[in-house]
């Protein structure tokens, strides 16, 4: 019979998994709904179209009071155009964009270029003349909406990844807690990076969130296309640089635990404060344990992580932390595998 603490732990894990899946489904459904609207609008904007002259019948900017005394400026337009000797009217300016903005300058400039009675080009779908738009192609607002959705999409992907990994580890546990093991006789290399190259994604999420605030404040959701292209270029450059730096570092083997069978020595990974290579005799290894690490969060809330740790005795007596994971099962599986490799007890 399972011990009561273990049963309690399993119940808590099951409850956490149910909450994660439920929250993930709710978050993903809302995010995907918004994504579909954004991408559908962009797809329509980029669709190949025919042109025809249109006459502006009405064009105005109306000011509306928003929350906390803010002012929103709504751009409205109505125009008439002819296709195959048939006359049509429309009020569509762009697809998938809101034309209510806190930026009065954008609204006034847009209205000034579409004066009543002026003739402007209209872009229509040859298969459906009522499918028409005045501003075709990719705009700054399209890239802004993609930027706005980036944090939501990253959270959705993170939840999906955590759910898949948790289910996979539960249904089909991998040896050694899923740690990557490279056998290169006479060496056995255990890849234990502290930070994954995919840390580039949270960085891009944070940068996107920081960029949204000034862009929305200054331009009200209608920034220049060139500026948004520069922001996206910066995001990809920063994310790519972090990914490449971490990937090269990990591939170099500097963050591997190296067990050399020929020399009977252990080389510790250059992580967790170790700046210089540390190589110790395998005979000095006394024990391999899982140490509990308490992390204090906001409002005094405690988070427990689990650190596989090597204990050395003799002249080189020390404790060497190899990793720190929130999953105790994974840490325990890795430690049990390592004990067998090292032929040591607890």
C-alpha atoms as a PDB file:
ATOM      1  CA  UNK A   1       0.000   0.000   0.000  1.00  0.00           C
ATOM      2  CA  UNK A   2       1.239   3.454  -0.895  1.00  0.00           C
ATOM      3  CA  UNK A   3       2.276   5.627   2.017  1.00  0.00           C
ATOM      4  CA  UNK A   4      -0.118   8.433   2.916  1.00  0.00           C
ATOM      5  CA  UNK A   5       2.340  11.265   1.998  1.00  0.00           C
ATOM      6  CA  UNK A   6       2.863   9.704  -1.441  1.00  0.00           C
ATOM      7  CA  UNK A   7      -0.888   9.394  -1.998  1.00  0.00           C
ATOM      8  CA  UNK A   8      -1.295  13.035  -0.975  1.00  0.00           C
ATOM      9  CA  UNK A   9       1.415  14.039  -3.424  1.00  0.00           C
ATOM     10  CA  UNK A  10      -0.218  12.105  -6.251  1.00  0.00           C
ATOM     11  CA  UNK A  11      -3.574  13.712  -5.487  1.00  0.00           C
ATOM     12  CA  UNK A  12      -2.027  17.175  -5.594  1.00  0.00           C
ATOM     13  CA  UNK A  13      -0.336  16.401  -8.907  1.00  0.00           C
ATOM     14  CA  UNK A  14      -3.587  15.102 -10.386  1.00  0.00           C
ATOM     15  CA  UNK A  15      -5.444  18.215  -9.203  1.00  0.00           C
ATOM     16  CA  UNK A  16      -2.729  20.480 -10.626  1.00  0.00           C
ATOM     17  CA  UNK A  17      -2.899  18.623 -13.959  1.00  0.00           C
ATOM     18  CA  UNK A  18      -6.696  19.005 -14.125  1.00  0.00           C
ATOM     19  CA  UNK A  19      -6.466  22.735 -13.355  1.00  0.00           C
ATOM     20  CA  UNK A  20      -3.691  23.206 -15.926  1.00  0.00           C
ATOM     21  CA  UNK A  21      -5.625  21.399 -18.665  1.00  0.00           C
ATOM     22  CA  UNK A  22      -8.872  23.255 -17.862  1.00  0.00           C
ATOM     23  CA  UNK A  23      -7.181  26.643 -17.794  1.00  0.00           C
ATOM     24  CA  UNK A  24      -5.220  25.758 -20.943  1.00  0.00           C
ATOM     25  CA  UNK A  25      -8.372  24.858 -22.861  1.00  0.00           C
ATOM     26  CA  UNK A  26     -10.105  28.082 -21.827  1.00  0.00           C
ATOM     27  CA  UNK A  27      -7.074  30.250 -22.590  1.00  0.00           C
ATOM     28  CA  UNK A  28      -6.398  28.506 -25.912  1.00  0.00           C
ATOM     29  CA  UNK A  29      -9.999  28.784 -27.128  1.00  0.00           C
ATOM     30  CA  UNK A  30     -10.052  32.541 -26.485  1.00  0.00           C
ATOM     31  CA  UNK A  31      -6.592  33.073 -27.950  1.00  0.00           C
ATOM     32  CA  UNK A  32      -7.289  31.026 -31.076  1.00  0.00           C
ATOM     33  CA  UNK A  33     -10.552  32.894 -31.617  1.00  0.00           C
ATOM     34  CA  UNK A  34      -8.694  36.226 -31.562  1.00  0.00           C
ATOM     35  CA  UNK A  35      -5.889  34.784 -33.709  1.00  0.00           C
ATOM     36  CA  UNK A  36      -8.380  33.681 -36.345  1.00  0.00           C
ATOM     37  CA  UNK A  37      -9.807  37.200 -36.583  1.00  0.00           C
ATOM     38  CA  UNK A  38      -6.356  38.798 -36.862  1.00  0.00           C
ATOM     39  CA  UNK A  39      -5.020  36.357 -39.455  1.00  0.00           C
ATOM     40  CA  UNK A  40      -8.267  36.371 -41.450  1.00  0.00           C
ATOM     41  CA  UNK A  41      -8.044  40.163 -41.657  1.00  0.00           C
ATOM     42  CA  UNK A  42      -4.397  40.047 -42.753  1.00  0.00           C
ATOM     43  CA  UNK A  43      -5.147  37.369 -45.362  1.00  0.00           C
ATOM     44  CA  UNK A  44      -7.897  39.541 -46.832  1.00  0.00           C
ATOM     45  CA  UNK A  45      -5.609  42.578 -46.818  1.00  0.00           C
ATOM     46  CA  UNK A  46      -2.970  40.669 -48.811  1.00  0.00           C
ATOM     47  CA  UNK A  47      -5.434  39.169 -51.284  1.00  0.00           C
ATOM     48  CA  UNK A  48      -4.835  40.101 -54.934  1.00  0.00           C
ATOM     49  CA  UNK A  49      -7.461  42.623 -56.123  1.00  0.00           C
ATOM     50  CA  UNK A  50      -8.626  44.734 -59.045  1.00  0.00           C
ATOM     51  CA  UNK A  51      -8.934  48.514 -58.777  1.00  0.00           C
ATOM     52  CA  UNK A  52     -11.652  50.959 -59.713  1.00  0.00           C
ATOM     53  CA  UNK A  53     -12.187  54.676 -59.035  1.00  0.00           C
ATOM     54  CA  UNK A  54     -14.355  55.498 -56.025  1.00  0.00           C
ATOM     55  CA  UNK A  55     -15.947  58.780 -54.974  1.00  0.00           C
ATOM     56  CA  UNK A  56     -16.002  59.731 -51.304  1.00  0.00           C
ATOM     57  CA  UNK A  57     -19.572  60.460 -50.170  1.00  0.00           C
ATOM     58  CA  UNK A  58     -18.913  60.955 -46.486  1.00  0.00           C
ATOM     59  CA  UNK A  59     -15.807  61.168 -44.339  1.00  0.00           C
ATOM     60  CA  UNK A  60     -15.654  62.295 -40.730  1.00  0.00           C
ATOM     61  CA  UNK A  61     -13.938  61.852 -37.407  1.00  0.00           C
ATOM     62  CA  UNK A  62     -16.043  61.650 -34.271  1.00  0.00           C
ATOM     63  CA  UNK A  63     -14.702  61.968 -30.736  1.00  0.00           C
ATOM     64  CA  UNK A  64     -16.016  59.694 -28.016  1.00  0.00           C
ATOM     65  CA  UNK A  65     -15.263  59.750 -24.323  1.00  0.00           C
ATOM     66  CA  UNK A  66     -13.562  56.593 -23.149  1.00  0.00           C
ATOM     67  CA  UNK A  67     -12.837  55.233 -19.717  1.00  0.00           C
ATOM     68  CA  UNK A  68     -11.313  57.543 -17.106  1.00  0.00           C
ATOM     69  CA  UNK A  69     -11.864  60.619 -19.239  1.00  0.00           C
ATOM     70  CA  UNK A  70      -9.835  59.439 -22.254  1.00  0.00           C
ATOM     71  CA  UNK A  71     -10.829  60.416 -25.791  1.00  0.00           C
ATOM     72  CA  UNK A  72     -11.223  58.000 -28.711  1.00  0.00           C
ATOM     73  CA  UNK A  73     -11.429  59.230 -32.294  1.00  0.00           C
ATOM     74  CA  UNK A  74     -13.426  57.139 -34.731  1.00  0.00           C
ATOM     75  CA  UNK A  75     -12.781  57.423 -38.461  1.00  0.00           C
ATOM     76  CA  UNK A  76     -15.830  56.813 -40.683  1.00  0.00           C
ATOM     77  CA  UNK A  77     -16.033  56.818 -44.454  1.00  0.00           C
ATOM     78  CA  UNK A  78     -18.614  55.997 -47.122  1.00  0.00           C
ATOM     79  CA  UNK A  79     -17.876  55.857 -50.819  1.00  0.00           C
ATOM     80  CA  UNK A  80     -19.412  54.893 -54.178  1.00  0.00           C
ATOM     81  CA  UNK A  81     -17.722  52.873 -56.918  1.00  0.00           C
ATOM     82  CA  UNK A  82     -18.677  51.182 -60.193  1.00  0.00           C
ATOM     83  CA  UNK A  83     -17.853  47.649 -61.407  1.00  0.00           C
ATOM     84  CA  UNK A  84     -19.179  46.347 -64.760  1.00  0.00           C
ATOM     85  CA  UNK A  85     -21.582  49.296 -65.009  1.00  0.00           C
ATOM     86  CA  UNK A  86     -23.070  48.471 -61.610  1.00  0.00           C
ATOM     87  CA  UNK A  87     -22.922  51.033 -58.806  1.00  0.00           C
ATOM     88  CA  UNK A  88     -21.989  49.950 -55.286  1.00  0.00           C
ATOM     89  CA  UNK A  89     -21.506  51.702 -51.959  1.00  0.00           C
ATOM     90  CA  UNK A  90     -19.356  50.648 -49.009  1.00  0.00           C
ATOM     91  CA  UNK A  91     -17.993  51.957 -45.708  1.00  0.00           C
ATOM     92  CA  UNK A  92     -15.079  49.533 -45.364  1.00  0.00           C
ATOM     93  CA  UNK A  93     -11.636  51.090 -45.047  1.00  0.00           C
ATOM     94  CA  UNK A  94      -9.553  48.065 -43.975  1.00  0.00           C
ATOM     95  CA  UNK A  95     -10.183  44.499 -42.812  1.00  0.00           C
ATOM     96  CA  UNK A  96      -9.764  43.278 -39.286  1.00  0.00           C
ATOM     97  CA  UNK A  97      -8.808  46.656 -37.817  1.00  0.00           C
ATOM     98  CA  UNK A  98     -10.499  48.973 -35.377  1.00  0.00           C
ATOM     99  CA  UNK A  99     -10.799  52.541 -36.574  1.00  0.00           C
ATOM    100  CA  UNK A 100     -11.398  53.939 -33.153  1.00  0.00           C
ATOM    101  CA  UNK A 101      -8.095  55.293 -31.910  1.00  0.00           C
ATOM    102  CA  UNK A 102      -6.766  57.435 -29.093  1.00  0.00           C
ATOM    103  CA  UNK A 103      -4.431  59.021 -31.661  1.00  0.00           C
ATOM    104  CA  UNK A 104      -6.331  62.044 -32.985  1.00  0.00           C
ATOM    105  CA  UNK A 105      -3.530  62.856 -35.414  1.00  0.00           C
ATOM    106  CA  UNK A 106      -3.913  59.517 -37.225  1.00  0.00           C
ATOM    107  CA  UNK A 107      -7.672  59.979 -37.512  1.00  0.00           C
ATOM    108  CA  UNK A 108      -7.398  63.580 -38.766  1.00  0.00           C
ATOM    109  CA  UNK A 109      -4.644  62.804 -41.304  1.00  0.00           C
ATOM    110  CA  UNK A 110      -6.587  59.812 -42.655  1.00  0.00           C
ATOM    111  CA  UNK A 111      -9.733  61.915 -42.998  1.00  0.00           C
ATOM    112  CA  UNK A 112      -7.787  64.732 -44.689  1.00  0.00           C
ATOM    113  CA  UNK A 113      -6.635  62.362 -47.444  1.00  0.00           C
ATOM    114  CA  UNK A 114     -10.200  61.209 -48.119  1.00  0.00           C
ATOM    115  CA  UNK A 115     -12.152  64.459 -48.503  1.00  0.00           C
ATOM    116  CA  UNK A 116     -15.783  64.377 -49.520  1.00  0.00           C
ATOM    117  CA  UNK A 117     -16.128  64.516 -53.316  1.00  0.00           C
ATOM    118  CA  UNK A 118     -12.544  63.373 -53.981  1.00  0.00           C
ATOM    119  CA  UNK A 119     -11.784  60.405 -56.196  1.00  0.00           C
ATOM    120  CA  UNK A 120      -9.713  57.588 -54.698  1.00  0.00           C
ATOM    121  CA  UNK A 121      -8.817  54.034 -55.801  1.00  0.00           C
ATOM    122  CA  UNK A 122     -10.905  51.175 -54.382  1.00  0.00           C
ATOM    123  CA  UNK A 123      -9.628  47.586 -54.354  1.00  0.00           C
ATOM    124  CA  UNK A 124     -12.268  44.928 -54.979  1.00  0.00           C
ATOM    125  CA  UNK A 125     -12.553  41.170 -55.419  1.00  0.00           C
ATOM    126  CA  UNK A 126     -13.368  40.414 -59.096  1.00  0.00           C
ATOM    127  CA  UNK A 127     -15.484  37.446 -57.977  1.00  0.00           C
ATOM    128  CA  UNK A 128     -17.451  39.550 -55.518  1.00  0.00           C
ATOM    129  CA  UNK A 129     -17.547  43.322 -56.244  1.00  0.00           C
ATOM    130  CA  UNK A 130     -19.067  43.997 -52.805  1.00  0.00           C
ATOM    131  CA  UNK A 131     -15.849  42.708 -51.240  1.00  0.00           C
ATOM    132  CA  UNK A 132     -13.986  46.013 -51.408  1.00  0.00           C
ATOM    133  CA  UNK A 133     -11.437  47.920 -49.363  1.00  0.00           C
ATOM    134  CA  UNK A 134      -9.762  51.323 -49.634  1.00  0.00           C
ATOM    135  CA  UNK A 135      -6.478  50.528 -47.895  1.00  0.00           C
ATOM    136  CA  UNK A 136      -5.034  47.274 -49.263  1.00  0.00           C
ATOM    137  CA  UNK A 137      -1.860  45.439 -48.300  1.00  0.00           C
ATOM    138  CA  UNK A 138      -0.070  44.998 -44.987  1.00  0.00           C
ATOM    139  CA  UNK A 139      -0.290  47.919 -42.579  1.00  0.00           C
ATOM    140  CA  UNK A 140       1.323  48.926 -39.312  1.00  0.00           C
ATOM    141  CA  UNK A 141      -1.863  48.071 -37.442  1.00  0.00           C
ATOM    142  CA  UNK A 142      -1.701  44.484 -38.744  1.00  0.00           C
ATOM    143  CA  UNK A 143       1.791  43.983 -37.325  1.00  0.00           C
ATOM    144  CA  UNK A 144       0.710  45.724 -34.117  1.00  0.00           C
ATOM    145  CA  UNK A 145      -2.182  43.284 -33.643  1.00  0.00           C
ATOM    146  CA  UNK A 146       0.250  40.380 -34.184  1.00  0.00           C
ATOM    147  CA  UNK A 147       2.524  41.940 -31.565  1.00  0.00           C
ATOM    148  CA  UNK A 148      -0.426  42.348 -29.200  1.00  0.00           C
ATOM    149  CA  UNK A 149      -1.316  38.658 -29.582  1.00  0.00           C
ATOM    150  CA  UNK A 150       2.271  37.437 -29.093  1.00  0.00           C
ATOM    151  CA  UNK A 151       2.184  37.202 -25.248  1.00  0.00           C
ATOM    152  CA  UNK A 152      -1.178  35.410 -25.395  1.00  0.00           C
ATOM    153  CA  UNK A 153       0.117  32.933 -27.987  1.00  0.00           C
ATOM    154  CA  UNK A 154       3.330  32.293 -26.060  1.00  0.00           C
ATOM    155  CA  UNK A 155       1.372  31.525 -22.882  1.00  0.00           C
ATOM    156  CA  UNK A 156      -0.869  29.191 -24.900  1.00  0.00           C
ATOM    157  CA  UNK A 157       2.148  27.362 -26.343  1.00  0.00           C
ATOM    158  CA  UNK A 158       3.770  27.162 -22.906  1.00  0.00           C
ATOM    159  CA  UNK A 159       0.660  25.610 -21.361  1.00  0.00           C
ATOM    160  CA  UNK A 160       0.361  23.152 -24.249  1.00  0.00           C
ATOM    161  CA  UNK A 161       4.037  22.161 -23.917  1.00  0.00           C
ATOM    162  CA  UNK A 162       3.803  21.711 -20.135  1.00  0.00           C
ATOM    163  CA  UNK A 163       0.656  19.601 -20.523  1.00  0.00           C
ATOM    164  CA  UNK A 164       2.142  17.364 -23.220  1.00  0.00           C
ATOM    165  CA  UNK A 165       5.390  16.850 -21.285  1.00  0.00           C
ATOM    166  CA  UNK A 166       3.525  16.058 -18.063  1.00  0.00           C
ATOM    167  CA  UNK A 167       1.242  13.533 -19.763  1.00  0.00           C
ATOM    168  CA  UNK A 168       4.151  11.952 -21.641  1.00  0.00           C
ATOM    169  CA  UNK A 169       6.208  11.587 -18.460  1.00  0.00           C
ATOM    170  CA  UNK A 170       3.218  10.095 -16.663  1.00  0.00           C
ATOM    171  CA  UNK A 171       2.155   7.671 -19.404  1.00  0.00           C
ATOM    172  CA  UNK A 172       5.607   6.744 -20.677  1.00  0.00           C
ATOM    173  CA  UNK A 173       8.399   7.773 -18.306  1.00  0.00           C
ATOM    174  CA  UNK A 174      11.811   8.085 -19.956  1.00  0.00           C
ATOM    175  CA  UNK A 175      14.984   6.605 -18.420  1.00  0.00           C
ATOM    176  CA  UNK A 176      17.043   8.888 -16.190  1.00  0.00           C
ATOM    177  CA  UNK A 177      14.180  11.370 -15.894  1.00  0.00           C
ATOM    178  CA  UNK A 178      14.348  12.186 -19.593  1.00  0.00           C
ATOM    179  CA  UNK A 179      17.851  13.648 -19.379  1.00  0.00           C
ATOM    180  CA  UNK A 180      19.848  13.477 -22.623  1.00  0.00           C
ATOM    181  CA  UNK A 181      22.705  10.965 -22.320  1.00  0.00           C
ATOM    182  CA  UNK A 182      25.578  10.816 -24.816  1.00  0.00           C
ATOM    183  CA  UNK A 183      27.777   7.718 -24.832  1.00  0.00           C
ATOM    184  CA  UNK A 184      31.175   8.550 -26.311  1.00  0.00           C
ATOM    185  CA  UNK A 185      33.556   5.865 -25.019  1.00  0.00           C
ATOM    186  CA  UNK A 186      35.385   6.103 -22.743  1.00  0.00           C
ATOM    187  CA  UNK A 187      33.184   9.035 -21.689  1.00  0.00           C
ATOM    188  CA  UNK A 188      29.567   9.161 -20.645  1.00  0.00           C
ATOM    189  CA  UNK A 189      28.194  12.690 -21.032  1.00  0.00           C
ATOM    190  CA  UNK A 190      24.988  13.769 -19.281  1.00  0.00           C
ATOM    191  CA  UNK A 191      23.584  16.976 -20.767  1.00  0.00           C
ATOM    192  CA  UNK A 192      22.360  19.198 -17.911  1.00  0.00           C
ATOM    193  CA  UNK A 193      21.941  22.769 -19.185  1.00  0.00           C
ATOM    194  CA  UNK A 194      20.548  25.192 -16.636  1.00  0.00           C
ATOM    195  CA  UNK A 195      18.801  27.191 -19.369  1.00  0.00           C
ATOM    196  CA  UNK A 196      17.323  25.822 -22.586  1.00  0.00           C
ATOM    197  CA  UNK A 197      17.821  27.605 -25.929  1.00  0.00           C
ATOM    198  CA  UNK A 198      14.034  27.952 -25.958  1.00  0.00           C
ATOM    199  CA  UNK A 199      14.423  30.552 -23.222  1.00  0.00           C
ATOM    200  CA  UNK A 200      14.500  32.847 -26.258  1.00  0.00           C
ATOM    201  CA  UNK A 201      10.696  32.548 -26.445  1.00  0.00           C
ATOM    202  CA  UNK A 202       9.955  33.988 -22.967  1.00  0.00           C
ATOM    203  CA  UNK A 203      12.444  36.766 -23.763  1.00  0.00           C
ATOM    204  CA  UNK A 204      10.589  37.605 -26.986  1.00  0.00           C
ATOM    205  CA  UNK A 205       7.305  37.514 -25.067  1.00  0.00           C
ATOM    206  CA  UNK A 206       8.601  40.004 -22.486  1.00  0.00           C
ATOM    207  CA  UNK A 207      10.013  42.301 -25.167  1.00  0.00           C
ATOM    208  CA  UNK A 208       6.752  42.154 -27.126  1.00  0.00           C
ATOM    209  CA  UNK A 209       4.778  43.075 -24.018  1.00  0.00           C
ATOM    210  CA  UNK A 210       7.115  45.993 -23.296  1.00  0.00           C
ATOM    211  CA  UNK A 211       6.826  47.218 -26.893  1.00  0.00           C
ATOM    212  CA  UNK A 212       3.013  47.102 -26.905  1.00  0.00           C
ATOM    213  CA  UNK A 213       2.632  49.734 -24.179  1.00  0.00           C
ATOM    214  CA  UNK A 214       4.496  52.696 -25.776  1.00  0.00           C
ATOM    215  CA  UNK A 215       3.195  51.895 -29.276  1.00  0.00           C
ATOM    216  CA  UNK A 216      -0.413  51.811 -28.083  1.00  0.00           C
ATOM    217  CA  UNK A 217       0.079  54.945 -25.975  1.00  0.00           C
ATOM    218  CA  UNK A 218       1.744  57.002 -28.723  1.00  0.00           C
ATOM    219  CA  UNK A 219      -0.037  55.751 -31.844  1.00  0.00           C
ATOM    220  CA  UNK A 220      -3.307  54.379 -30.464  1.00  0.00           C
ATOM    221  CA  UNK A 221      -2.958  51.076 -32.312  1.00  0.00           C
ATOM    222  CA  UNK A 222      -2.181  52.614 -35.729  1.00  0.00           C
ATOM    223  CA  UNK A 223       1.635  52.822 -35.869  1.00  0.00           C
ATOM    224  CA  UNK A 224       3.664  53.344 -39.067  1.00  0.00           C
ATOM    225  CA  UNK A 225       4.442  50.163 -40.980  1.00  0.00           C
ATOM    226  CA  UNK A 226       8.180  50.861 -41.050  1.00  0.00           C
ATOM    227  CA  UNK A 227       8.369  51.228 -37.276  1.00  0.00           C
ATOM    228  CA  UNK A 228       6.500  47.962 -36.698  1.00  0.00           C
ATOM    229  CA  UNK A 229       8.817  46.181 -39.124  1.00  0.00           C
ATOM    230  CA  UNK A 230      11.784  47.439 -37.092  1.00  0.00           C
ATOM    231  CA  UNK A 231      10.192  46.236 -33.835  1.00  0.00           C
ATOM    232  CA  UNK A 232       9.588  42.764 -35.259  1.00  0.00           C
ATOM    233  CA  UNK A 233      13.112  42.667 -36.672  1.00  0.00           C
ATOM    234  CA  UNK A 234      14.476  43.534 -33.218  1.00  0.00           C
ATOM    235  CA  UNK A 235      12.357  40.834 -31.551  1.00  0.00           C
ATOM    236  CA  UNK A 236      13.555  38.125 -33.931  1.00  0.00           C
ATOM    237  CA  UNK A 237      17.164  39.330 -33.720  1.00  0.00           C
ATOM    238  CA  UNK A 238      17.130  39.306 -29.901  1.00  0.00           C
ATOM    239  CA  UNK A 239      15.409  35.909 -29.737  1.00  0.00           C
ATOM    240  CA  UNK A 240      17.683  34.445 -32.389  1.00  0.00           C
ATOM    241  CA  UNK A 241      20.807  35.720 -30.634  1.00  0.00           C
ATOM    242  CA  UNK A 242      19.771  34.184 -27.290  1.00  0.00           C
ATOM    243  CA  UNK A 243      18.802  30.889 -28.938  1.00  0.00           C
ATOM    244  CA  UNK A 244      22.093  30.702 -30.874  1.00  0.00           C
ATOM    245  CA  UNK A 245      24.193  31.600 -27.817  1.00  0.00           C
ATOM    246  CA  UNK A 246      22.545  28.930 -25.650  1.00  0.00           C
ATOM    247  CA  UNK A 247      22.607  26.299 -28.426  1.00  0.00           C
ATOM    248  CA  UNK A 248      26.332  26.823 -29.095  1.00  0.00           C
ATOM    249  CA  UNK A 249      27.097  26.761 -25.373  1.00  0.00           C
ATOM    250  CA  UNK A 250      25.198  23.504 -24.817  1.00  0.00           C
ATOM    251  CA  UNK A 251      26.683  21.850 -27.909  1.00  0.00           C
ATOM    252  CA  UNK A 252      30.166  22.723 -26.654  1.00  0.00           C
ATOM    253  CA  UNK A 253      29.658  20.286 -23.756  1.00  0.00           C
ATOM    254  CA  UNK A 254      30.627  22.846 -21.114  1.00  0.00           C
ATOM    255  CA  UNK A 255      27.376  22.162 -19.255  1.00  0.00           C
ATOM    256  CA  UNK A 256      27.670  18.360 -19.379  1.00  0.00           C
ATOM    257  CA  UNK A 257      28.331  16.070 -16.457  1.00  0.00           C
ATOM    258  CA  UNK A 258      31.202  13.935 -17.780  1.00  0.00           C
ATOM    259  CA  UNK A 259      31.946  10.477 -16.382  1.00  0.00           C
ATOM    260  CA  UNK A 260      35.298   9.280 -17.719  1.00  0.00           C
ATOM    261  CA  UNK A 261      35.588   5.494 -17.429  1.00  0.00           C
ATOM    262  CA  UNK A 262      39.258   5.433 -18.461  1.00  0.00           C
ATOM    263  CA  UNK A 263      40.513   7.864 -15.805  1.00  0.00           C
ATOM    264  CA  UNK A 264      37.754   7.155 -13.237  1.00  0.00           C
ATOM    265  CA  UNK A 265      37.130  10.876 -12.852  1.00  0.00           C
ATOM    266  CA  UNK A 266      34.001  13.041 -12.867  1.00  0.00           C
ATOM    267  CA  UNK A 267      33.889  16.488 -14.507  1.00  0.00           C
ATOM    268  CA  UNK A 268      31.165  18.747 -13.160  1.00  0.00           C
ATOM    269  CA  UNK A 269      29.074  20.920 -15.504  1.00  0.00           C
ATOM    270  CA  UNK A 270      29.858  24.648 -15.632  1.00  0.00           C
ATOM    271  CA  UNK A 271      26.540  25.618 -14.092  1.00  0.00           C
ATOM    272  CA  UNK A 272      25.247  26.680 -10.678  1.00  0.00           C
ATOM    273  CA  UNK A 273      28.110  29.050  -9.935  1.00  0.00           C
ATOM    274  CA  UNK A 274      30.929  26.912 -11.302  1.00  0.00           C
ATOM    275  CA  UNK A 275      33.032  29.154 -13.551  1.00  0.00           C
ATOM    276  CA  UNK A 276      36.101  26.930 -13.913  1.00  0.00           C
ATOM    277  CA  UNK A 277      36.300  23.206 -14.810  1.00  0.00           C
ATOM    278  CA  UNK A 278      36.109  20.966 -11.738  1.00  0.00           C
ATOM    279  CA  UNK A 279      37.269  17.346 -12.096  1.00  0.00           C
ATOM    280  CA  UNK A 280      37.100  15.014  -9.097  1.00  0.00           C
ATOM    281  CA  UNK A 281      38.106  11.374  -8.491  1.00  0.00           C
ATOM    282  CA  UNK A 282      35.196   9.004  -8.855  1.00  0.00           C
ATOM    283  CA  UNK A 283      36.395   7.178  -5.731  1.00  0.00           C
ATOM    284  CA  UNK A 284      35.633  10.309  -3.650  1.00  0.00           C
ATOM    285  CA  UNK A 285      31.949  10.218  -4.561  1.00  0.00           C
ATOM    286  CA  UNK A 286      30.097   9.243  -1.398  1.00  0.00           C
ATOM    287  CA  UNK A 287      26.424   9.672  -2.290  1.00  0.00           C
ATOM    288  CA  UNK A 288      23.916  10.963  -4.863  1.00  0.00           C
ATOM    289  CA  UNK A 289      20.789  12.537  -3.404  1.00  0.00           C
ATOM    290  CA  UNK A 290      17.765  14.654  -4.237  1.00  0.00           C
ATOM    291  CA  UNK A 291      17.863  17.848  -2.200  1.00  0.00           C
ATOM    292  CA  UNK A 292      14.721  19.955  -1.637  1.00  0.00           C
ATOM    293  CA  UNK A 293      15.105  23.631  -2.512  1.00  0.00           C
ATOM    294  CA  UNK A 294      12.558  26.132  -1.217  1.00  0.00           C
ATOM    295  CA  UNK A 295      11.922  29.216  -3.344  1.00  0.00           C
ATOM    296  CA  UNK A 296       9.889  32.034  -1.803  1.00  0.00           C
ATOM    297  CA  UNK A 297       7.523  33.840  -4.140  1.00  0.00           C
ATOM    298  CA  UNK A 298       5.155  36.786  -3.730  1.00  0.00           C
ATOM    299  CA  UNK A 299       3.168  37.036  -0.491  1.00  0.00           C
ATOM    300  CA  UNK A 300       5.426  34.476   1.169  1.00  0.00           C
ATOM    301  CA  UNK A 301       4.260  31.596  -1.040  1.00  0.00           C
ATOM    302  CA  UNK A 302       6.805  28.770  -1.154  1.00  0.00           C
ATOM    303  CA  UNK A 303       7.727  26.752  -4.239  1.00  0.00           C
ATOM    304  CA  UNK A 304       9.597  23.462  -3.839  1.00  0.00           C
ATOM    305  CA  UNK A 305      12.206  22.439  -6.391  1.00  0.00           C
ATOM    306  CA  UNK A 306      14.318  19.295  -6.377  1.00  0.00           C
ATOM    307  CA  UNK A 307      18.047  19.254  -6.996  1.00  0.00           C
ATOM    308  CA  UNK A 308      20.052  16.122  -7.895  1.00  0.00           C
ATOM    309  CA  UNK A 309      23.269  16.552  -5.913  1.00  0.00           C
ATOM    310  CA  UNK A 310      26.646  14.777  -5.749  1.00  0.00           C
ATOM    311  CA  UNK A 311      28.356  14.453  -2.357  1.00  0.00           C
ATOM    312  CA  UNK A 312      32.158  14.087  -2.353  1.00  0.00           C
ATOM    313  CA  UNK A 313      34.367  13.210   0.619  1.00  0.00           C
ATOM    314  CA  UNK A 314      38.076  13.222   1.337  1.00  0.00           C
ATOM    315  CA  UNK A 315      40.443  15.921   0.118  1.00  0.00           C
ATOM    316  CA  UNK A 316      37.844  17.323  -2.298  1.00  0.00           C
ATOM    317  CA  UNK A 317      34.857  17.192   0.050  1.00  0.00           C
ATOM    318  CA  UNK A 318      31.965  19.215  -1.374  1.00  0.00           C
ATOM    319  CA  UNK A 319      28.368  19.114  -2.521  1.00  0.00           C
ATOM    320  CA  UNK A 320      27.767  19.655  -6.233  1.00  0.00           C
ATOM    321  CA  UNK A 321      24.273  20.541  -7.426  1.00  0.00           C
ATOM    322  CA  UNK A 322      23.685  19.295 -10.953  1.00  0.00           C
ATOM    323  CA  UNK A 323      20.210  20.625 -11.743  1.00  0.00           C
ATOM    324  CA  UNK A 324      17.064  22.030 -10.165  1.00  0.00           C
ATOM    325  CA  UNK A 325      13.647  20.860 -11.334  1.00  0.00           C
ATOM    326  CA  UNK A 326      10.080  21.364 -10.080  1.00  0.00           C
ATOM    327  CA  UNK A 327       9.291  17.700 -10.830  1.00  0.00           C
ATOM    328  CA  UNK A 328      10.345  15.463  -7.947  1.00  0.00           C
ATOM    329  CA  UNK A 329       9.595  12.303  -9.930  1.00  0.00           C
ATOM    330  CA  UNK A 330      11.991  13.352 -12.667  1.00  0.00           C
ATOM    331  CA  UNK A 331      14.716  14.282 -10.182  1.00  0.00           C
ATOM    332  CA  UNK A 332      14.329  10.959  -8.338  1.00  0.00           C
ATOM    333  CA  UNK A 333      14.446   8.925 -11.570  1.00  0.00           C
ATOM    334  CA  UNK A 334      17.612  10.708 -12.653  1.00  0.00           C
ATOM    335  CA  UNK A 335      19.300  10.205  -9.275  1.00  0.00           C
ATOM    336  CA  UNK A 336      18.446   6.493  -9.235  1.00  0.00           C
ATOM    337  CA  UNK A 337      19.935   6.104 -12.721  1.00  0.00           C
ATOM    338  CA  UNK A 338      23.053   8.036 -11.668  1.00  0.00           C
ATOM    339  CA  UNK A 339      23.528   5.898  -8.567  1.00  0.00           C
ATOM    340  CA  UNK A 340      23.591   2.780 -10.732  1.00  0.00           C
ATOM    341  CA  UNK A 341      26.121   4.355 -13.085  1.00  0.00           C
ATOM    342  CA  UNK A 342      28.330   5.445 -10.191  1.00  0.00           C
ATOM    343  CA  UNK A 343      27.690   2.322  -8.122  1.00  0.00           C
ATOM    344  CA  UNK A 344      26.985   4.336  -4.981  1.00  0.00           C
ATOM    345  CA  UNK A 345      24.195   4.300  -2.411  1.00  0.00           C
ATOM    346  CA  UNK A 346      22.162   7.140  -0.992  1.00  0.00           C
END
